[in-house]
Amino acid sequence: MKTRYLILIFSIAILGSSCNLFFEEEPANDPVSVFEFIWQSFDDSYAPFDERHVNWDSLYLIYRPMVNANTDDDSLYIVITNMLAVLDDGHVQMTVPGKKYFFSNHIYNYQIDDALFDLNVIENNYLDNGFIKDDSEYPGFVFGTINNDITYVNFAYIADNLDVMNDVLDNYDTKGLIIDLRHNSGGDFTWAFSNMNRLIQNRTLIFSSKTKNGKGENDYTDWYDWYIEPQTPYYSKKVVLLTDRYTISAGERTAMIFKTMPNAIVIGDTTNGAHSTMIGRDLANGWYYTLPTQKVKFADCISYEGIGVIPDIYFKNELSDIENGIDRCLEKAIAEF
C-alpha cells in the first residue's frame, strides 16, 4: 500500500502600511495544545461532516476530557486516533514516528479483504504471453490480452501512467476492454479526464465539487462542474470496469466516468467512498495528518462520500480462490464478452 506525503508551505504575511513582517506563532507542543490544534483544524477545514453524519462538537466533549498536561504520547495518540476513527474517512490519515500508519477508514486501517485482489494471479494465470508492465520504481500499469480476444489493463494509481491508454486502445483488435481499478490508490483525477476521453461520445458531466475557503461552516467556493470532453477516434466496444473497497479518491472519480457511459458496466465491490481532495498538516510534536477539504457530488447531484461508487454488478472474490490462483471477479468480467 503506497502512501504519499504532502509538503506544507508556510507563507509570510505583510500587514498594514508599516511593512513589518509577522510570522504565525508556533503552536504549543503540550498534549492539550496538540489536541486542541488538531480538533480546531478539522473544525475549520474538514468538509464532509454532514455526509459522514458526524457531530464534531460532540466528539470534542467526549475526547477532550481524556487529555491533560500529563498525558503521554502513547495515550495522546490513542485519544486522537480514536476520535479520527469516528470519521471513517480514507482521506484522514496520520503518520507518527514509531507507530503503524493510521487510517481513519476501517477498511484500510484493518486491511479488511486486502488479500482478495492479487495482480500476480492475473499476470500468471490470465494474461496472454507478451503483456506489458510498467518497469518504473512504482509500477503504474499492466496491459495485454486475455484469451487473445479481450483487452485488459490495470492501473495501480491515477497519474501519468494513464498516458498508455491510447496504446491500449490502438494496439489490440479485440472484442472489448476490461479496466481494472481494484486497489487503485488514487492520485490526480485530471489524468483520467484527459486519457479516458476516447471512451465517450459526448461532452459529459461527471461530478461537481466545492472547496473550503474559510473557517466558517458554510465557507466554500461555488460548485465547479467537471466535464469530460470526447476525443476521437471513439472506442465503441463494450467496456467493463472492476472496482473494490480499496479503489479510493481519484480512482473513484475515475470510476464515476464509467458510471455515465452507456457501453460500460462496473463489476466488483463498492469503492471506498473518499472522493475529496485532501491536504496535509504538521502538529507541533512532529506528527503529520491529512484531511479532506471538498464536497463532491456525482452527476446525479448525489454525494456518495462515505458510501462509494456502487457497481452495477456486485461481486467479491473469496480468499480461497485467490490463494489457488483464481480471480472470480475477473472471470465475471470476462463472461460479459
Protein backbone atom coordinates (compact mmCIF):
# COMPACT_ATOMS: atom_id res chain seq x y z
CA MET A 1 0.00 0.00 0.00
CA LYS A 2 1.54 3.23 -1.13
CA THR A 3 1.24 6.40 0.90
CA ARG A 4 2.01 9.86 -0.29
CA TYR A 5 3.26 12.77 1.72
CA LEU A 6 2.39 16.39 1.09
CA ILE A 7 4.76 19.31 1.53
CA LEU A 8 3.47 22.17 3.61
CA ILE A 9 4.44 25.70 2.64
CA PHE A 10 4.14 28.44 5.26
CA SER A 11 3.63 31.97 4.00
CA ILE A 12 4.89 35.27 5.41
CA ALA A 13 2.21 37.92 5.78
CA ILE A 14 2.83 41.62 5.28
CA LEU A 15 0.32 43.54 7.34
CA GLY A 16 -0.68 47.20 7.25
CA SER A 17 1.48 50.04 5.96
CA SER A 18 4.29 49.53 8.44
CA CYS A 19 5.85 46.84 6.16
CA ASN A 20 6.71 44.77 9.24
CA LEU A 21 6.95 41.02 8.75
CA PHE A 22 4.85 38.89 11.05
CA PHE A 23 5.20 35.15 11.45
CA GLU A 24 2.40 32.91 12.65
CA GLU A 25 3.09 31.99 16.24
CA GLU A 26 4.37 28.46 16.70
CA PRO A 27 1.67 26.30 18.29
CA ALA A 28 2.46 24.95 21.73
CA ASN A 29 3.80 21.42 21.99
CA ASP A 30 1.98 20.17 25.08
CA PRO A 31 -0.70 17.43 24.97
CA VAL A 32 -3.67 19.75 25.48
CA SER A 33 -2.47 22.21 22.82
CA VAL A 34 -1.80 19.42 20.32
CA PHE A 35 -5.30 18.02 20.84
CA GLU A 36 -6.88 21.47 20.59
CA PHE A 37 -4.93 22.22 17.42
CA ILE A 38 -5.99 19.13 15.50
CA TRP A 39 -9.59 19.35 16.68
CA GLN A 40 -9.77 23.01 15.59
CA SER A 41 -8.05 22.22 12.31
CA PHE A 42 -10.80 19.77 11.41
CA ASP A 43 -13.48 22.14 12.68
CA ASP A 44 -12.15 24.85 10.35
CA SER A 45 -11.24 22.84 7.25
CA TYR A 46 -12.86 19.38 7.13
CA ALA A 47 -15.63 19.36 4.53
CA PRO A 48 -17.78 16.18 4.70
CA PHE A 49 -19.06 16.22 8.30
CA ASP A 50 -22.67 16.17 7.07
CA GLU A 51 -22.08 13.44 4.51
CA ARG A 52 -20.45 11.28 7.17
CA HIS A 53 -23.09 12.10 9.78
CA VAL A 54 -20.54 13.24 12.38
CA ASN A 55 -21.18 15.90 15.03
CA TRP A 56 -17.67 17.20 15.59
CA ASP A 57 -18.63 19.30 18.62
CA SER A 58 -19.97 16.23 20.39
CA LEU A 59 -16.68 14.41 19.80
CA TYR A 60 -14.87 17.27 21.48
CA LEU A 61 -17.00 16.77 24.58
CA ILE A 62 -16.13 13.07 24.58
CA TYR A 63 -12.40 13.16 23.88
CA ARG A 64 -11.15 16.49 25.23
CA PRO A 65 -11.56 15.44 28.90
CA MET A 66 -9.27 12.47 28.19
CA VAL A 67 -6.28 14.78 27.66
CA ASN A 68 -4.42 16.80 30.27
CA ALA A 69 -0.95 18.24 30.82
CA ASN A 70 0.36 14.86 31.98
CA THR A 71 -0.94 12.79 29.05
CA ASP A 72 1.95 10.86 27.48
CA ASP A 73 2.44 10.47 23.71
CA ASP A 74 1.06 6.94 23.55
CA SER A 75 -2.13 7.94 25.34
CA LEU A 76 -2.49 11.10 23.25
CA TYR A 77 -2.09 9.05 20.08
CA ILE A 78 -4.86 6.70 21.20
CA VAL A 79 -7.23 9.55 22.05
CA ILE A 80 -6.67 11.41 18.78
CA THR A 81 -6.84 8.35 16.52
CA ASN A 82 -9.96 7.10 18.29
CA MET A 83 -11.57 10.47 17.63
CA LEU A 84 -10.50 10.49 13.98
CA ALA A 85 -11.67 6.90 13.52
CA VAL A 86 -15.26 8.06 14.03
CA LEU A 87 -15.00 9.84 10.66
CA ASP A 88 -14.18 6.51 8.95
CA ASP A 89 -12.63 8.57 6.15
CA GLY A 90 -9.96 7.22 3.81
CA HIS A 91 -8.58 10.72 3.38
CA VAL A 92 -7.96 11.13 7.12
CA GLN A 93 -4.56 9.66 7.92
CA MET A 94 -1.83 10.17 10.49
CA THR A 95 1.91 9.50 10.50
CA VAL A 96 3.60 9.20 13.88
CA PRO A 97 7.24 8.09 14.30
CA GLY A 98 7.40 4.56 15.65
CA LYS A 99 3.71 3.89 15.03
CA LYS A 100 1.85 1.99 12.34
CA TYR A 101 0.50 4.33 9.67
CA PHE A 102 -3.02 5.27 10.77
CA PHE A 103 -6.06 5.40 8.52
CA SER A 104 -9.35 6.69 9.86
CA ASN A 105 -11.08 4.39 7.38
CA HIS A 106 -11.59 0.96 8.92
CA ILE A 107 -11.15 -0.87 5.60
CA TYR A 108 -7.65 0.49 5.13
CA ASN A 109 -6.68 0.59 8.79
CA TYR A 110 -7.51 -3.07 9.43
CA GLN A 111 -6.77 -4.22 5.85
CA ILE A 112 -10.19 -5.81 5.54
CA ASP A 113 -10.36 -8.01 2.43
CA ASP A 114 -6.99 -6.64 1.30
CA ALA A 115 -5.94 -10.11 0.12
CA LEU A 116 -8.94 -10.53 -2.21
CA PHE A 117 -7.01 -8.91 -5.06
CA ASP A 118 -3.61 -10.05 -6.29
CA LEU A 119 -2.23 -8.73 -9.57
CA ASN A 120 0.23 -11.62 -9.68
CA VAL A 121 -2.69 -14.02 -10.06
CA ILE A 122 -3.79 -12.16 -13.18
CA GLU A 123 -0.29 -11.93 -14.65
CA ASN A 124 0.45 -15.60 -14.02
CA ASN A 125 -2.89 -17.20 -14.85
CA TYR A 126 -4.95 -14.94 -17.12
CA LEU A 127 -2.87 -12.63 -19.30
CA ASP A 128 -1.56 -13.96 -22.60
CA ASN A 129 2.18 -14.03 -23.21
CA GLY A 130 3.67 -10.69 -24.20
CA PHE A 131 1.76 -8.46 -21.80
CA ILE A 132 3.37 -5.12 -20.99
CA LYS A 133 4.19 -3.99 -17.46
CA ASP A 134 5.43 -0.65 -16.20
CA ASP A 135 9.06 -1.13 -15.12
CA SER A 136 9.33 2.05 -13.05
CA GLU A 137 10.03 2.10 -9.30
CA TYR A 138 6.29 2.26 -8.59
CA PRO A 139 4.68 0.25 -11.43
CA GLY A 140 1.53 2.02 -12.55
CA PHE A 141 0.11 -0.22 -15.25
CA VAL A 142 -0.11 -3.69 -16.75
CA PHE A 143 -1.85 -4.33 -20.05
CA GLY A 144 -2.27 -7.10 -22.57
CA THR A 145 -4.89 -9.57 -23.74
CA ILE A 146 -6.90 -12.39 -22.20
CA ASN A 147 -7.76 -15.40 -24.39
CA ASN A 148 -6.38 -13.33 -27.28
CA ASP A 149 -9.71 -11.55 -27.69
CA ILE A 150 -10.22 -9.27 -24.65
CA THR A 151 -8.01 -6.30 -23.82
CA TYR A 152 -7.07 -5.95 -20.15
CA VAL A 153 -5.42 -3.01 -18.39
CA ASN A 154 -4.73 -2.48 -14.70
CA PHE A 155 -3.92 0.93 -13.23
CA ALA A 156 -2.40 0.98 -9.74
CA TYR A 157 -2.93 4.72 -9.30
CA ILE A 158 -4.13 7.73 -11.30
CA ALA A 159 -1.31 9.82 -12.78
CA ASP A 160 0.71 9.97 -16.00
CA ASN A 161 0.63 6.15 -16.09
CA LEU A 162 -2.78 6.60 -17.77
CA ASP A 163 -0.99 8.01 -20.82
CA VAL A 164 -0.74 4.42 -22.10
CA MET A 165 -4.49 4.37 -22.83
CA ASN A 166 -4.00 5.27 -26.50
CA ASP A 167 -1.59 2.36 -26.90
CA VAL A 168 -4.05 0.07 -25.12
CA LEU A 169 -6.88 1.09 -27.46
CA ASP A 170 -4.86 1.19 -30.68
CA ASN A 171 -2.71 -1.92 -30.42
CA TYR A 172 -5.31 -4.61 -29.77
CA ASP A 173 -8.16 -5.60 -32.08
CA THR A 174 -10.31 -7.41 -29.51
CA LYS A 175 -13.96 -7.81 -28.56
CA GLY A 176 -13.78 -5.30 -25.75
CA LEU A 177 -11.91 -3.81 -22.83
CA ILE A 178 -11.52 -4.59 -19.12
CA ILE A 179 -10.12 -1.76 -16.99
CA ASP A 180 -9.11 -2.92 -13.53
CA LEU A 181 -9.07 -0.26 -10.81
CA ARG A 182 -9.17 -2.65 -7.87
CA HIS A 183 -6.77 -1.47 -5.15
CA ASN A 184 -6.24 1.77 -7.08
CA SER A 185 -4.67 4.18 -4.58
CA GLY A 186 -5.83 7.41 -6.22
CA GLY A 187 -3.74 10.33 -7.38
CA ASP A 188 -4.76 13.12 -9.77
CA PHE A 189 -8.13 12.52 -11.42
CA THR A 190 -7.43 15.03 -14.22
CA TRP A 191 -5.21 12.40 -15.85
CA ALA A 192 -8.33 10.24 -16.21
CA PHE A 193 -10.24 13.10 -17.81
CA SER A 194 -7.50 13.52 -20.42
CA ASN A 195 -6.93 9.81 -21.10
CA MET A 196 -10.34 8.13 -20.84
CA ASN A 197 -11.96 10.57 -23.26
CA ARG A 198 -11.88 8.21 -26.25
CA LEU A 199 -14.38 6.05 -24.35
CA ILE A 200 -17.11 8.70 -24.50
CA GLN A 201 -19.02 10.21 -27.44
CA ASN A 202 -20.36 13.43 -25.95
CA ARG A 203 -19.27 16.11 -23.51
CA THR A 204 -20.40 14.64 -20.20
CA LEU A 205 -20.77 15.98 -16.66
CA ILE A 206 -19.05 13.58 -14.27
CA PHE A 207 -19.18 15.32 -10.89
CA SER A 208 -19.18 18.71 -9.19
CA SER A 209 -17.02 19.90 -6.31
CA LYS A 210 -16.70 22.82 -3.95
CA THR A 211 -13.79 23.54 -1.62
CA LYS A 212 -13.48 25.09 1.81
CA ASN A 213 -12.20 28.68 1.55
CA GLY A 214 -12.69 29.86 5.12
CA LYS A 215 -13.14 28.69 8.68
CA GLY A 216 -16.91 29.10 8.79
CA GLU A 217 -19.26 26.17 8.44
CA ASN A 218 -20.57 27.48 5.12
CA ASP A 219 -17.34 28.97 3.76
CA TYR A 220 -16.93 27.26 0.39
CA THR A 221 -16.17 28.15 -3.19
CA ASP A 222 -19.01 27.91 -5.67
CA TRP A 223 -19.74 24.49 -7.10
CA TYR A 224 -17.48 23.67 -10.05
CA ASP A 225 -18.75 21.24 -12.70
CA TRP A 226 -16.24 18.75 -14.06
CA TYR A 227 -16.93 17.65 -17.64
CA ILE A 228 -15.03 15.14 -19.72
CA GLU A 229 -14.57 16.13 -23.37
CA PRO A 230 -14.71 13.43 -26.08
CA GLN A 231 -11.66 12.59 -28.16
CA THR A 232 -11.52 10.74 -31.47
CA PRO A 233 -11.35 8.04 -32.57
CA TYR A 234 -14.19 6.90 -30.32
CA TYR A 235 -13.87 3.43 -28.78
CA SER A 236 -17.33 1.95 -29.28
CA LYS A 237 -16.82 -1.56 -27.93
CA LYS A 238 -18.01 -2.84 -24.58
CA VAL A 239 -16.04 -1.74 -21.51
CA VAL A 240 -16.04 -3.43 -18.09
CA LEU A 241 -14.61 -1.64 -15.07
CA LEU A 242 -13.54 -3.57 -11.96
CA THR A 243 -13.55 -1.90 -8.53
CA ASP A 244 -13.22 -2.87 -4.88
CA ARG A 245 -13.23 -1.28 -1.42
CA TYR A 246 -9.61 -0.18 -1.93
CA THR A 247 -10.46 1.86 -5.02
CA ILE A 248 -10.13 5.31 -3.48
CA SER A 249 -10.04 9.04 -4.17
CA ALA A 250 -9.03 9.79 -7.78
CA GLY A 251 -9.66 6.12 -8.53
CA GLU A 252 -13.27 6.68 -7.50
CA ARG A 253 -13.60 9.87 -9.53
CA THR A 254 -12.32 7.85 -12.48
CA ALA A 255 -14.95 5.18 -11.77
CA MET A 256 -17.60 7.92 -11.94
CA ILE A 257 -16.69 8.41 -15.61
CA PHE A 258 -17.65 4.81 -16.36
CA LYS A 259 -20.94 5.12 -14.49
CA THR A 260 -22.00 7.69 -17.12
CA MET A 261 -21.02 5.56 -20.13
CA PRO A 262 -23.82 3.64 -21.93
CA ASN A 263 -21.42 0.95 -23.19
CA ALA A 264 -19.74 0.36 -19.81
CA ILE A 265 -20.58 -1.83 -16.85
CA VAL A 266 -18.99 -1.71 -13.39
CA ILE A 267 -18.37 -5.04 -11.63
CA GLY A 268 -16.93 -5.73 -8.20
CA ASP A 269 -17.31 -4.17 -4.78
CA THR A 270 -18.39 -0.64 -3.86
CA THR A 271 -15.45 1.78 -3.84
CA ASN A 272 -14.04 3.28 -0.64
CA GLY A 273 -16.16 6.44 -0.51
CA ALA A 274 -13.42 9.06 -0.08
CA HIS A 275 -13.88 11.43 -3.00
CA SER A 276 -12.44 14.75 -1.88
CA THR A 277 -9.11 16.43 -2.38
CA MET A 278 -7.03 16.22 0.80
CA ILE A 279 -4.39 18.42 2.38
CA GLY A 280 -1.64 17.63 4.87
CA ARG A 281 -0.54 19.41 8.03
CA ASP A 282 2.04 19.04 10.80
CA LEU A 283 1.41 19.07 14.52
CA ALA A 284 3.80 20.82 16.89
CA ASN A 285 5.02 17.46 18.22
CA GLY A 286 6.11 16.30 14.75
CA TRP A 287 3.08 14.19 13.91
CA TYR A 288 1.61 14.56 10.43
CA TYR A 289 -2.03 14.25 9.39
CA THR A 290 -4.29 14.70 6.38
CA LEU A 291 -7.88 15.82 5.94
CA PRO A 292 -10.26 16.42 3.01
CA THR A 293 -11.45 19.95 2.22
CA GLN A 294 -14.03 19.33 -0.53
CA LYS A 295 -17.58 18.28 -1.04
CA VAL A 296 -18.17 16.19 -4.17
CA LYS A 297 -21.45 15.19 -5.80
CA PHE A 298 -21.85 12.83 -8.74
CA ALA A 299 -23.56 13.82 -11.99
CA ASP A 300 -26.89 12.75 -10.46
CA CYS A 301 -26.41 15.52 -7.84
CA ILE A 302 -26.00 12.95 -5.05
CA SER A 303 -22.93 12.77 -2.82
CA TYR A 304 -21.53 9.26 -2.43
CA GLU A 305 -18.97 10.39 0.16
CA GLY A 306 -18.85 7.74 2.85
CA ILE A 307 -20.79 5.39 0.56
CA GLY A 308 -18.68 4.84 -2.53
CA VAL A 309 -19.34 4.30 -6.21
CA ILE A 310 -21.78 1.41 -6.37
CA PRO A 311 -21.09 -1.29 -9.00
CA ASP A 312 -23.72 -2.38 -11.49
CA ILE A 313 -22.96 -5.99 -10.61
CA TYR A 314 -21.77 -6.69 -7.08
CA PHE A 315 -19.14 -9.40 -6.92
CA LYS A 316 -16.50 -10.21 -4.34
CA ASN A 317 -13.67 -12.72 -4.51
CA GLU A 318 -13.13 -15.49 -1.99
CA LEU A 319 -9.74 -15.73 -0.33
CA SER A 320 -9.53 -19.46 -1.02
CA ASP A 321 -9.90 -18.80 -4.75
CA ILE A 322 -7.17 -16.15 -4.78
CA GLU A 323 -4.86 -18.49 -2.86
CA ASN A 324 -5.48 -21.07 -5.59
CA GLY A 325 -4.73 -18.62 -8.39
CA ILE A 326 -8.35 -17.91 -9.34
CA ASP A 327 -9.85 -14.42 -9.73
CA ARG A 328 -13.61 -14.98 -9.95
CA CYS A 329 -14.32 -11.27 -10.24
CA LEU A 330 -12.12 -11.06 -13.33
CA GLU A 331 -13.82 -14.17 -14.70
CA LYS A 332 -17.17 -12.44 -14.18
CA ALA A 333 -15.89 -9.58 -16.32
CA ILE A 334 -14.58 -11.96 -18.99
CA ALA A 335 -18.02 -13.61 -19.18
CA GLU A 336 -19.52 -10.26 -20.21
CA PHE A 337 -17.89 -10.71 -23.62
